[in-house]
Amino acid sequence: MQEKRCDWCLSTPLYQQYHDQEWGMPRIDDATLFEFLLLEGAQAGLSWITVLNKRAHYRKVYAGFDPNKIARFSAKKIEALLGDSGIIRNRLKIGSAIKNARAYLQLVESGNSLSNFLWQFCEGHVQVNHYQNLRQVPATTPVSDAMSKALKQAGFNFVGSTIIYAYMQAVGMVNDHLMDCPARKRCLKSAKQLNLLP
């Protein structure tokens, strides 16, 4: 079988690099999981490459995705962000980032971690799929439905099931690299090293 990248990432070198090095790699640290959660919310209704092109600037203006700092963003900061073409200038999405930072802090204050909270829906294991083409890949699953519902109950927003399934793919809770994609094996190797395979 000839190896080839998943064909959704072929449009730009940045997209290919993200696909090869990040997408589907299992993430268990809260900082990365929180950053991806905010970025997936920002992406809602847009293409992921739009967010990827703006990610470095997001890190700058979102204080390195520090939830303590984002939770305290003032009205003046929000107005500055709305005037910043380096991010997606949407008041609801900016407000969502602040709300999600506060929800994250509440979760941590309750003695939980974002990692434990999210990975429990996968029973602590990566779901390894065996898709041959993109048409087989679902937009939502019962697991993303349940995770979405729990996140909403915990005070998060912009966390609908479709957004959450894309999030699960990005942070490696599911391995949806196609069967002939070389990145699939790298993600499986990482999952094995982290003891995240069933």
N, C-alpha and C. Protein backbone atom coordinates (compact mmCIF):
# COMPACT_ATOMS: atom_id res chain seq x y z
N MET A 1 0.84 -1.19 0.00
CA MET A 1 0.00 0.00 0.00
C MET A 1 0.88 1.25 0.00
N GLN A 2 0.66 2.12 -0.96
CA GLN A 2 1.45 3.34 -1.05
C GLN A 2 0.96 4.34 0.00
N GLU A 3 1.91 4.86 0.78
CA GLU A 3 1.54 5.81 1.82
C GLU A 3 1.30 7.18 1.21
N LYS A 4 0.27 7.85 1.71
CA LYS A 4 0.00 9.22 1.29
C LYS A 4 -0.76 9.93 2.41
N ARG A 5 -0.52 11.22 2.51
CA ARG A 5 -1.19 12.01 3.54
C ARG A 5 -2.71 12.01 3.35
N CYS A 6 -3.42 12.21 4.46
CA CYS A 6 -4.85 12.49 4.37
C CYS A 6 -5.03 13.70 3.45
N ASP A 7 -5.98 13.63 2.54
CA ASP A 7 -6.02 14.66 1.50
C ASP A 7 -6.67 15.98 1.92
N TRP A 8 -7.14 16.07 3.17
CA TRP A 8 -7.71 17.35 3.60
C TRP A 8 -6.64 18.40 3.89
N CYS A 9 -5.38 18.00 3.97
CA CYS A 9 -4.33 18.92 4.43
C CYS A 9 -3.39 19.37 3.31
N LEU A 10 -3.73 19.11 2.07
CA LEU A 10 -2.75 19.28 1.00
C LEU A 10 -2.66 20.71 0.44
N SER A 11 -3.51 21.61 0.91
CA SER A 11 -3.60 22.93 0.25
C SER A 11 -2.43 23.85 0.54
N THR A 12 -1.81 23.74 1.73
CA THR A 12 -0.69 24.64 2.06
C THR A 12 0.37 23.88 2.85
N PRO A 13 1.63 24.33 2.82
CA PRO A 13 2.68 23.70 3.63
C PRO A 13 2.38 23.75 5.13
N LEU A 14 1.78 24.84 5.60
CA LEU A 14 1.43 24.95 7.02
C LEU A 14 0.43 23.87 7.42
N TYR A 15 -0.54 23.65 6.56
CA TYR A 15 -1.55 22.62 6.81
C TYR A 15 -0.90 21.23 6.85
N GLN A 16 0.02 20.98 5.92
CA GLN A 16 0.70 19.69 5.89
C GLN A 16 1.56 19.48 7.14
N GLN A 17 2.23 20.54 7.56
CA GLN A 17 3.06 20.44 8.76
C GLN A 17 2.19 20.14 9.99
N TYR A 18 1.07 20.83 10.09
CA TYR A 18 0.15 20.60 11.20
C TYR A 18 -0.36 19.15 11.18
N HIS A 19 -0.76 18.69 10.00
CA HIS A 19 -1.23 17.31 9.86
C HIS A 19 -0.15 16.32 10.26
N ASP A 20 1.07 16.54 9.81
CA ASP A 20 2.15 15.59 10.03
C ASP A 20 2.61 15.55 11.48
N GLN A 21 2.62 16.70 12.14
CA GLN A 21 3.25 16.79 13.46
C GLN A 21 2.29 16.91 14.63
N GLU A 22 1.06 17.36 14.37
CA GLU A 22 0.16 17.63 15.50
C GLU A 22 -1.16 16.88 15.46
N TRP A 23 -1.85 16.91 14.32
CA TRP A 23 -3.21 16.39 14.27
C TRP A 23 -3.24 14.90 14.60
N GLY A 24 -4.02 14.56 15.60
CA GLY A 24 -4.15 13.16 15.99
C GLY A 24 -3.14 12.68 17.00
N MET A 25 -2.16 13.52 17.34
CA MET A 25 -1.21 13.14 18.39
C MET A 25 -1.91 13.24 19.74
N PRO A 26 -1.90 12.18 20.54
CA PRO A 26 -2.62 12.22 21.81
C PRO A 26 -2.05 13.29 22.75
N ARG A 27 -2.94 14.11 23.27
CA ARG A 27 -2.57 15.19 24.19
C ARG A 27 -3.22 14.94 25.54
N ILE A 28 -2.41 15.00 26.58
CA ILE A 28 -2.94 14.76 27.92
C ILE A 28 -2.64 15.90 28.89
N ASP A 29 -1.95 16.94 28.40
CA ASP A 29 -1.64 18.05 29.29
C ASP A 29 -2.72 19.12 29.17
N ASP A 30 -3.11 19.67 30.30
CA ASP A 30 -4.20 20.63 30.34
C ASP A 30 -3.96 21.85 29.46
N ALA A 31 -2.72 22.35 29.44
CA ALA A 31 -2.44 23.58 28.70
C ALA A 31 -2.74 23.41 27.21
N THR A 32 -2.29 22.30 26.63
CA THR A 32 -2.54 22.05 25.20
C THR A 32 -4.01 21.78 24.95
N LEU A 33 -4.63 21.02 25.82
CA LEU A 33 -6.05 20.71 25.65
C LEU A 33 -6.90 21.97 25.73
N PHE A 34 -6.53 22.88 26.62
CA PHE A 34 -7.28 24.14 26.75
C PHE A 34 -7.09 25.01 25.51
N GLU A 35 -5.86 25.11 25.03
CA GLU A 35 -5.61 25.91 23.83
C GLU A 35 -6.41 25.39 22.64
N PHE A 36 -6.37 24.09 22.43
CA PHE A 36 -7.11 23.52 21.30
C PHE A 36 -8.61 23.72 21.45
N LEU A 37 -9.11 23.66 22.68
CA LEU A 37 -10.54 23.85 22.90
C LEU A 37 -10.97 25.26 22.49
N LEU A 38 -10.17 26.25 22.84
CA LEU A 38 -10.48 27.62 22.45
C LEU A 38 -10.35 27.83 20.95
N LEU A 39 -9.33 27.23 20.36
CA LEU A 39 -9.13 27.37 18.91
C LEU A 39 -10.24 26.68 18.12
N GLU A 40 -10.68 25.53 18.59
CA GLU A 40 -11.78 24.84 17.90
C GLU A 40 -13.05 25.67 17.97
N GLY A 41 -13.28 26.33 19.11
CA GLY A 41 -14.43 27.21 19.22
C GLY A 41 -14.34 28.39 18.28
N ALA A 42 -13.14 28.93 18.14
CA ALA A 42 -12.93 30.05 17.22
C ALA A 42 -13.15 29.63 15.78
N GLN A 43 -12.89 28.37 15.50
CA GLN A 43 -12.99 27.86 14.13
C GLN A 43 -14.44 27.66 13.68
N ALA A 44 -15.36 27.56 14.62
CA ALA A 44 -16.76 27.21 14.30
C ALA A 44 -17.27 27.99 13.09
N GLY A 45 -17.72 27.25 12.08
CA GLY A 45 -18.26 27.85 10.87
C GLY A 45 -17.22 28.26 9.84
N LEU A 46 -15.96 28.08 10.18
CA LEU A 46 -14.87 28.45 9.28
C LEU A 46 -14.00 27.23 9.00
N SER A 47 -13.01 27.39 8.13
CA SER A 47 -12.08 26.29 7.89
C SER A 47 -10.97 26.32 8.93
N TRP A 48 -10.42 25.15 9.24
CA TRP A 48 -9.37 25.08 10.25
C TRP A 48 -8.12 25.84 9.84
N ILE A 49 -7.84 25.89 8.55
CA ILE A 49 -6.64 26.60 8.09
C ILE A 49 -6.74 28.09 8.43
N THR A 50 -7.95 28.62 8.48
CA THR A 50 -8.13 30.02 8.88
C THR A 50 -7.60 30.25 10.28
N VAL A 51 -7.94 29.34 11.19
CA VAL A 51 -7.47 29.44 12.57
C VAL A 51 -5.97 29.16 12.66
N LEU A 52 -5.54 28.18 11.90
CA LEU A 52 -4.12 27.80 11.94
C LEU A 52 -3.24 28.98 11.52
N ASN A 53 -3.68 29.72 10.52
CA ASN A 53 -2.93 30.89 10.06
C ASN A 53 -2.86 31.99 11.12
N LYS A 54 -3.81 31.99 12.03
CA LYS A 54 -3.88 33.03 13.05
C LYS A 54 -3.42 32.54 14.42
N ARG A 55 -3.01 31.28 14.53
CA ARG A 55 -2.73 30.70 15.85
C ARG A 55 -1.61 31.43 16.59
N ALA A 56 -0.54 31.77 15.90
CA ALA A 56 0.58 32.44 16.57
C ALA A 56 0.13 33.78 17.16
N HIS A 57 -0.72 34.49 16.42
CA HIS A 57 -1.21 35.78 16.94
C HIS A 57 -2.19 35.56 18.09
N TYR A 58 -3.01 34.52 17.98
CA TYR A 58 -3.90 34.18 19.11
C TYR A 58 -3.07 33.96 20.38
N ARG A 59 -1.98 33.23 20.25
CA ARG A 59 -1.15 32.96 21.43
C ARG A 59 -0.64 34.26 22.05
N LYS A 60 -0.34 35.23 21.19
CA LYS A 60 0.17 36.52 21.67
C LYS A 60 -0.92 37.30 22.39
N VAL A 61 -2.06 37.48 21.75
CA VAL A 61 -3.10 38.34 22.33
C VAL A 61 -3.95 37.62 23.38
N TYR A 62 -3.90 36.29 23.40
CA TYR A 62 -4.61 35.52 24.43
C TYR A 62 -3.65 35.09 25.55
N ALA A 63 -2.59 35.85 25.72
CA ALA A 63 -1.67 35.67 26.85
C ALA A 63 -1.15 34.24 26.96
N GLY A 64 -0.76 33.69 25.79
CA GLY A 64 -0.24 32.32 25.79
C GLY A 64 -1.29 31.29 26.19
N PHE A 65 -2.55 31.64 25.99
CA PHE A 65 -3.68 30.79 26.38
C PHE A 65 -3.66 30.47 27.88
N ASP A 66 -3.25 31.44 28.66
CA ASP A 66 -3.27 31.32 30.12
C ASP A 66 -4.70 31.56 30.60
N PRO A 67 -5.37 30.53 31.13
CA PRO A 67 -6.78 30.71 31.51
C PRO A 67 -6.97 31.75 32.61
N ASN A 68 -5.99 31.89 33.51
CA ASN A 68 -6.11 32.88 34.57
C ASN A 68 -6.18 34.30 34.00
N LYS A 69 -5.39 34.55 32.97
CA LYS A 69 -5.38 35.88 32.36
C LYS A 69 -6.59 36.10 31.46
N ILE A 70 -6.95 35.09 30.68
CA ILE A 70 -8.11 35.22 29.79
C ILE A 70 -9.39 35.46 30.60
N ALA A 71 -9.51 34.77 31.72
CA ALA A 71 -10.71 34.91 32.56
C ALA A 71 -10.90 36.33 33.07
N ARG A 72 -9.82 37.11 33.10
CA ARG A 72 -9.89 38.47 33.61
C ARG A 72 -9.88 39.53 32.51
N PHE A 73 -10.06 39.12 31.26
CA PHE A 73 -10.10 40.10 30.17
C PHE A 73 -11.19 41.14 30.44
N SER A 74 -10.84 42.39 30.30
CA SER A 74 -11.75 43.50 30.57
C SER A 74 -12.53 43.88 29.31
N ALA A 75 -13.51 44.76 29.49
CA ALA A 75 -14.27 45.27 28.35
C ALA A 75 -13.33 45.99 27.37
N LYS A 76 -12.35 46.69 27.90
CA LYS A 76 -11.37 47.40 27.06
C LYS A 76 -10.56 46.40 26.24
N LYS A 77 -10.16 45.29 26.86
CA LYS A 77 -9.42 44.25 26.15
C LYS A 77 -10.27 43.63 25.05
N ILE A 78 -11.54 43.40 25.35
CA ILE A 78 -12.45 42.81 24.36
C ILE A 78 -12.57 43.73 23.14
N GLU A 79 -12.71 45.03 23.38
CA GLU A 79 -12.81 45.98 22.27
C GLU A 79 -11.52 45.98 21.44
N ALA A 80 -10.38 45.88 22.12
CA ALA A 80 -9.10 45.82 21.40
C ALA A 80 -9.03 44.57 20.53
N LEU A 81 -9.51 43.46 21.06
CA LEU A 81 -9.50 42.21 20.29
C LEU A 81 -10.43 42.30 19.08
N LEU A 82 -11.57 42.97 19.26
CA LEU A 82 -12.51 43.12 18.15
C LEU A 82 -11.93 43.96 17.02
N GLY A 83 -10.92 44.75 17.33
CA GLY A 83 -10.27 45.55 16.31
C GLY A 83 -9.00 44.94 15.76
N ASP A 84 -8.70 43.72 16.18
CA ASP A 84 -7.44 43.05 15.83
C ASP A 84 -7.66 42.08 14.67
N SER A 85 -7.16 42.43 13.50
CA SER A 85 -7.36 41.58 12.32
C SER A 85 -6.55 40.29 12.37
N GLY A 86 -5.68 40.16 13.37
CA GLY A 86 -4.87 38.95 13.50
C GLY A 86 -5.63 37.78 14.07
N ILE A 87 -6.86 38.04 14.58
CA ILE A 87 -7.70 36.96 15.09
C ILE A 87 -9.05 37.01 14.38
N ILE A 88 -9.94 36.09 14.73
CA ILE A 88 -11.29 36.10 14.18
C ILE A 88 -12.11 37.06 15.03
N ARG A 89 -12.50 38.16 14.43
CA ARG A 89 -13.14 39.24 15.19
C ARG A 89 -14.64 39.00 15.32
N ASN A 90 -14.97 38.19 16.27
CA ASN A 90 -16.36 37.81 16.52
C ASN A 90 -16.59 37.94 18.02
N ARG A 91 -17.51 38.83 18.39
CA ARG A 91 -17.72 39.11 19.82
C ARG A 91 -18.15 37.87 20.60
N LEU A 92 -18.99 37.05 19.99
CA LEU A 92 -19.45 35.84 20.67
C LEU A 92 -18.29 34.87 20.92
N LYS A 93 -17.41 34.75 19.94
CA LYS A 93 -16.28 33.82 20.09
C LYS A 93 -15.26 34.32 21.10
N ILE A 94 -15.04 35.64 21.12
CA ILE A 94 -14.13 36.21 22.12
C ILE A 94 -14.74 36.04 23.52
N GLY A 95 -16.03 36.32 23.63
CA GLY A 95 -16.72 36.12 24.91
C GLY A 95 -16.70 34.67 25.34
N SER A 96 -16.79 33.77 24.37
CA SER A 96 -16.74 32.34 24.66
C SER A 96 -15.39 31.95 25.24
N ALA A 97 -14.31 32.51 24.72
CA ALA A 97 -12.97 32.20 25.24
C ALA A 97 -12.88 32.58 26.71
N ILE A 98 -13.44 33.74 27.05
CA ILE A 98 -13.41 34.20 28.45
C ILE A 98 -14.27 33.29 29.32
N LYS A 99 -15.46 32.97 28.83
CA LYS A 99 -16.34 32.07 29.57
C LYS A 99 -15.69 30.70 29.78
N ASN A 100 -15.04 30.21 28.74
CA ASN A 100 -14.41 28.89 28.83
C ASN A 100 -13.21 28.90 29.77
N ALA A 101 -12.50 30.02 29.82
CA ALA A 101 -11.39 30.13 30.77
C ALA A 101 -11.92 30.07 32.20
N ARG A 102 -13.02 30.74 32.44
CA ARG A 102 -13.62 30.73 33.78
C ARG A 102 -14.15 29.34 34.13
N ALA A 103 -14.75 28.66 33.15
CA ALA A 103 -15.24 27.30 33.38
C ALA A 103 -14.08 26.35 33.67
N TYR A 104 -12.98 26.55 32.94
CA TYR A 104 -11.79 25.74 33.17
C TYR A 104 -11.27 25.93 34.59
N LEU A 105 -11.21 27.18 35.05
CA LEU A 105 -10.71 27.46 36.40
C LEU A 105 -11.63 26.86 37.46
N GLN A 106 -12.93 26.90 37.22
CA GLN A 106 -13.87 26.27 38.15
C GLN A 106 -13.66 24.76 38.21
N LEU A 107 -13.39 24.18 37.05
CA LEU A 107 -13.15 22.73 36.98
C LEU A 107 -11.92 22.37 37.81
N VAL A 108 -10.86 23.15 37.66
CA VAL A 108 -9.63 22.89 38.40
C VAL A 108 -9.83 23.11 39.89
N GLU A 109 -10.57 24.16 40.22
CA GLU A 109 -10.83 24.46 41.64
C GLU A 109 -11.63 23.35 42.31
N SER A 110 -12.41 22.62 41.52
CA SER A 110 -13.21 21.52 42.07
C SER A 110 -12.37 20.26 42.29
N GLY A 111 -11.09 20.33 41.93
CA GLY A 111 -10.19 19.20 42.14
C GLY A 111 -10.02 18.31 40.93
N ASN A 112 -10.60 18.72 39.81
CA ASN A 112 -10.49 17.93 38.58
C ASN A 112 -9.41 18.54 37.68
N SER A 113 -9.11 17.88 36.60
CA SER A 113 -8.25 18.45 35.56
C SER A 113 -9.02 18.34 34.25
N LEU A 114 -8.72 19.21 33.33
CA LEU A 114 -9.39 19.14 32.03
C LEU A 114 -9.08 17.81 31.36
N SER A 115 -7.84 17.36 31.50
CA SER A 115 -7.44 16.09 30.89
C SER A 115 -8.27 14.93 31.41
N ASN A 116 -8.37 14.80 32.73
CA ASN A 116 -9.17 13.72 33.31
C ASN A 116 -10.64 13.84 32.94
N PHE A 117 -11.13 15.06 32.96
CA PHE A 117 -12.53 15.31 32.64
C PHE A 117 -12.87 14.85 31.22
N LEU A 118 -11.99 15.16 30.27
CA LEU A 118 -12.26 14.83 28.88
C LEU A 118 -11.96 13.37 28.54
N TRP A 119 -10.82 12.89 29.00
CA TRP A 119 -10.42 11.54 28.62
C TRP A 119 -11.31 10.46 29.23
N GLN A 120 -12.07 10.81 30.28
CA GLN A 120 -12.97 9.80 30.87
C GLN A 120 -14.02 9.34 29.86
N PHE A 121 -14.37 10.23 28.92
CA PHE A 121 -15.38 9.86 27.92
C PHE A 121 -14.84 8.84 26.93
N CYS A 122 -13.53 8.76 26.82
CA CYS A 122 -12.87 7.77 25.95
C CYS A 122 -12.37 6.58 26.77
N GLU A 123 -12.75 6.56 28.04
CA GLU A 123 -12.29 5.51 28.96
C GLU A 123 -10.77 5.45 29.02
N GLY A 124 -10.14 6.62 28.83
CA GLY A 124 -8.69 6.71 28.95
C GLY A 124 -7.90 6.11 27.79
N HIS A 125 -8.59 5.85 26.69
CA HIS A 125 -7.92 5.22 25.54
C HIS A 125 -8.24 5.95 24.24
N VAL A 126 -7.29 5.93 23.33
CA VAL A 126 -7.51 6.45 21.99
C VAL A 126 -8.41 5.48 21.23
N GLN A 127 -9.43 6.01 20.58
CA GLN A 127 -10.24 5.19 19.68
C GLN A 127 -9.55 5.18 18.32
N VAL A 128 -9.10 4.01 17.91
CA VAL A 128 -8.37 3.88 16.65
C VAL A 128 -9.35 3.43 15.56
N ASN A 129 -9.55 4.32 14.59
CA ASN A 129 -10.47 4.00 13.50
C ASN A 129 -9.70 3.50 12.27
N HIS A 130 -10.42 2.96 11.32
CA HIS A 130 -9.79 2.30 10.17
C HIS A 130 -10.45 2.76 8.88
N TYR A 131 -10.46 4.07 8.68
CA TYR A 131 -11.13 4.63 7.52
C TYR A 131 -10.21 4.63 6.30
N GLN A 132 -10.82 4.36 5.15
CA GLN A 132 -10.07 4.35 3.89
C GLN A 132 -10.17 5.69 3.16
N ASN A 133 -11.25 6.43 3.41
CA ASN A 133 -11.42 7.72 2.74
C ASN A 133 -12.20 8.67 3.65
N LEU A 134 -12.15 9.95 3.31
CA LEU A 134 -12.75 10.98 4.17
C LEU A 134 -14.26 10.85 4.28
N ARG A 135 -14.91 10.27 3.28
CA ARG A 135 -16.37 10.13 3.31
C ARG A 135 -16.81 9.22 4.46
N GLN A 136 -15.94 8.36 4.92
CA GLN A 136 -16.29 7.43 6.00
C GLN A 136 -16.20 8.08 7.38
N VAL A 137 -15.51 9.20 7.48
CA VAL A 137 -15.26 9.83 8.78
C VAL A 137 -16.50 10.58 9.25
N PRO A 138 -17.00 10.28 10.45
CA PRO A 138 -18.22 10.93 10.92
C PRO A 138 -17.97 12.38 11.36
N ALA A 139 -19.05 13.14 11.46
CA ALA A 139 -18.97 14.51 11.98
C ALA A 139 -19.18 14.55 13.49
N THR A 140 -19.93 13.58 13.98
CA THR A 140 -20.18 13.44 15.42
C THR A 140 -20.26 11.95 15.75
N THR A 141 -20.13 11.66 17.04
CA THR A 141 -20.30 10.28 17.53
C THR A 141 -21.03 10.35 18.88
N PRO A 142 -21.51 9.24 19.39
CA PRO A 142 -22.11 9.26 20.73
C PRO A 142 -21.14 9.79 21.80
N VAL A 143 -19.86 9.52 21.63
CA VAL A 143 -18.88 10.03 22.60
C VAL A 143 -18.77 11.55 22.52
N SER A 144 -18.71 12.10 21.30
CA SER A 144 -18.65 13.56 21.18
C SER A 144 -19.94 14.19 21.68
N ASP A 145 -21.07 13.51 21.49
CA ASP A 145 -22.34 14.00 22.02
C ASP A 145 -22.28 14.11 23.55
N ALA A 146 -21.78 13.05 24.18
CA ALA A 146 -21.71 13.02 25.65
C ALA A 146 -20.71 14.04 26.19
N MET A 147 -19.56 14.16 25.53
CA MET A 147 -18.55 15.11 25.96
C MET A 147 -19.07 16.54 25.81
N SER A 148 -19.72 16.81 24.70
CA SER A 148 -20.30 18.13 24.46
C SER A 148 -21.31 18.49 25.54
N LYS A 149 -22.18 17.57 25.87
CA LYS A 149 -23.21 17.80 26.89
C LYS A 149 -22.57 18.09 28.25
N ALA A 150 -21.54 17.32 28.60
CA ALA A 150 -20.88 17.50 29.89
C ALA A 150 -20.14 18.83 29.96
N LEU A 151 -19.50 19.22 28.86
CA LEU A 151 -18.81 20.50 28.82
C LEU A 151 -19.79 21.66 28.98
N LYS A 152 -20.94 21.57 28.32
CA LYS A 152 -21.95 22.62 28.46
C LYS A 152 -22.44 22.70 29.90
N GLN A 153 -22.65 21.54 30.52
CA GLN A 153 -23.10 21.53 31.91
C GLN A 153 -22.05 22.11 32.85
N ALA A 154 -20.77 22.00 32.45
CA ALA A 154 -19.68 22.53 33.26
C ALA A 154 -19.42 24.02 32.98
N GLY A 155 -20.22 24.61 32.09
CA GLY A 155 -20.12 26.04 31.86
C GLY A 155 -19.37 26.47 30.62
N PHE A 156 -18.96 25.52 29.80
CA PHE A 156 -18.25 25.85 28.56
C PHE A 156 -19.27 26.14 27.46
N ASN A 157 -18.85 26.90 26.44
CA ASN A 157 -19.70 27.05 25.27
C ASN A 157 -18.87 27.04 24.00
N PHE A 158 -19.57 27.10 22.85
CA PHE A 158 -18.96 26.78 21.55
C PHE A 158 -18.34 25.37 21.62
N VAL A 159 -19.10 24.47 22.20
CA VAL A 159 -18.64 23.08 22.38
C VAL A 159 -19.72 22.10 21.90
N GLY A 160 -20.36 22.43 20.78
CA GLY A 160 -21.33 21.50 20.20
C GLY A 160 -20.65 20.20 19.76
N SER A 161 -21.43 19.20 19.50
CA SER A 161 -20.87 17.88 19.22
C SER A 161 -19.96 17.86 17.99
N THR A 162 -20.30 18.62 16.94
CA THR A 162 -19.45 18.64 15.75
C THR A 162 -18.09 19.27 16.07
N ILE A 163 -18.11 20.39 16.80
CA ILE A 163 -16.86 21.02 17.23
C ILE A 163 -16.05 20.06 18.09
N ILE A 164 -16.72 19.37 18.99
CA ILE A 164 -16.01 18.47 19.91
C ILE A 164 -15.45 17.26 19.18
N TYR A 165 -16.14 16.74 18.16
CA TYR A 165 -15.53 15.62 17.44
C TYR A 165 -14.28 16.07 16.71
N ALA A 166 -14.31 17.26 16.10
CA ALA A 166 -13.11 17.80 15.46
C ALA A 166 -12.00 17.99 16.50
N TYR A 167 -12.38 18.41 17.68
CA TYR A 167 -11.43 18.57 18.78
C TYR A 167 -10.82 17.22 19.17
N MET A 168 -11.66 16.20 19.29
CA MET A 168 -11.16 14.86 19.64
C MET A 168 -10.18 14.35 18.60
N GLN A 169 -10.45 14.64 17.34
CA GLN A 169 -9.51 14.26 16.28
C GLN A 169 -8.18 15.00 16.44
N ALA A 170 -8.27 16.29 16.70
CA ALA A 170 -7.07 17.12 16.77
C ALA A 170 -6.16 16.71 17.93
N VAL A 171 -6.76 16.42 19.09
CA VAL A 171 -5.95 16.11 20.28
C VAL A 171 -5.75 14.61 20.48
N GLY A 172 -6.09 13.83 19.46
CA GLY A 172 -5.74 12.42 19.46
C GLY A 172 -6.59 11.51 20.33
N MET A 173 -7.77 11.96 20.70
CA MET A 173 -8.67 11.06 21.42
C MET A 173 -9.23 10.01 20.47
N VAL A 174 -9.29 10.38 19.19
CA VAL A 174 -9.56 9.41 18.13
C VAL A 174 -8.43 9.53 17.11
N ASN A 175 -8.07 8.43 16.52
CA ASN A 175 -7.09 8.45 15.43
C ASN A 175 -7.85 8.26 14.14
N ASP A 176 -8.08 9.38 13.44
CA ASP A 176 -8.83 9.34 12.19
C ASP A 176 -7.95 9.55 10.96
N HIS A 177 -6.64 9.40 11.13
CA HIS A 177 -5.79 9.37 9.94
C HIS A 177 -6.21 8.18 9.09
N LEU A 178 -6.28 8.39 7.80
CA LEU A 178 -6.69 7.31 6.91
C LEU A 178 -5.65 6.19 6.93
N MET A 179 -6.07 5.02 6.52
CA MET A 179 -5.26 3.81 6.68
C MET A 179 -3.89 3.91 6.00
N ASP A 180 -3.82 4.61 4.87
CA ASP A 180 -2.55 4.68 4.13
C ASP A 180 -1.76 5.96 4.44
N CYS A 181 -2.13 6.65 5.51
CA CYS A 181 -1.43 7.88 5.89
C CYS A 181 -0.27 7.57 6.84
N PRO A 182 0.94 8.02 6.55
CA PRO A 182 2.07 7.72 7.42
C PRO A 182 1.95 8.32 8.82
N ALA A 183 1.21 9.41 8.97
CA ALA A 183 1.05 10.02 10.29
C ALA A 183 0.25 9.12 11.23
N ARG A 184 -0.55 8.23 10.67
CA ARG A 184 -1.34 7.31 11.49
C ARG A 184 -0.43 6.49 12.41
N LYS A 185 0.67 6.00 11.86
CA LYS A 185 1.58 5.16 12.65
C LYS A 185 2.28 5.98 13.73
N ARG A 186 2.63 7.22 13.41
CA ARG A 186 3.28 8.07 14.40
C ARG A 186 2.35 8.34 15.58
N CYS A 187 1.08 8.55 15.28
CA CYS A 187 0.11 8.78 16.35
C CYS A 187 -0.10 7.52 17.19
N LEU A 188 -0.13 6.37 16.54
CA LEU A 188 -0.27 5.11 17.27
C LEU A 188 0.94 4.87 18.18
N LYS A 189 2.12 5.18 17.69
CA LYS A 189 3.33 5.02 18.48
C LYS A 189 3.29 5.91 19.72
N SER A 190 2.87 7.16 19.52
CA SER A 190 2.76 8.08 20.65
C SER A 190 1.72 7.59 21.66
N ALA A 191 0.59 7.10 21.17
CA ALA A 191 -0.47 6.58 22.06
C ALA A 191 0.05 5.39 22.86
N LYS A 192 0.83 4.54 22.23
CA LYS A 192 1.39 3.39 22.93
C LYS A 192 2.36 3.83 24.02
N GLN A 193 3.19 4.82 23.71
CA GLN A 193 4.15 5.32 24.69
C GLN A 193 3.44 5.94 25.90
N LEU A 194 2.30 6.52 25.66
CA LEU A 194 1.53 7.16 26.75
C LEU A 194 0.55 6.17 27.41
N ASN A 195 0.60 4.92 26.99
CA ASN A 195 -0.28 3.88 27.52
C ASN A 195 -1.75 4.23 27.31
N LEU A 196 -2.04 4.72 26.10
CA LEU A 196 -3.40 5.15 25.79
C LEU A 196 -4.09 4.25 24.76
N LEU A 197 -3.47 3.13 24.45
CA LEU A 197 -4.14 2.18 23.54
C LEU A 197 -4.95 1.19 24.35
N PRO A 198 -6.08 0.75 23.82
CA PRO A 198 -6.93 -0.21 24.56
C PRO A 198 -6.16 -1.49 24.88
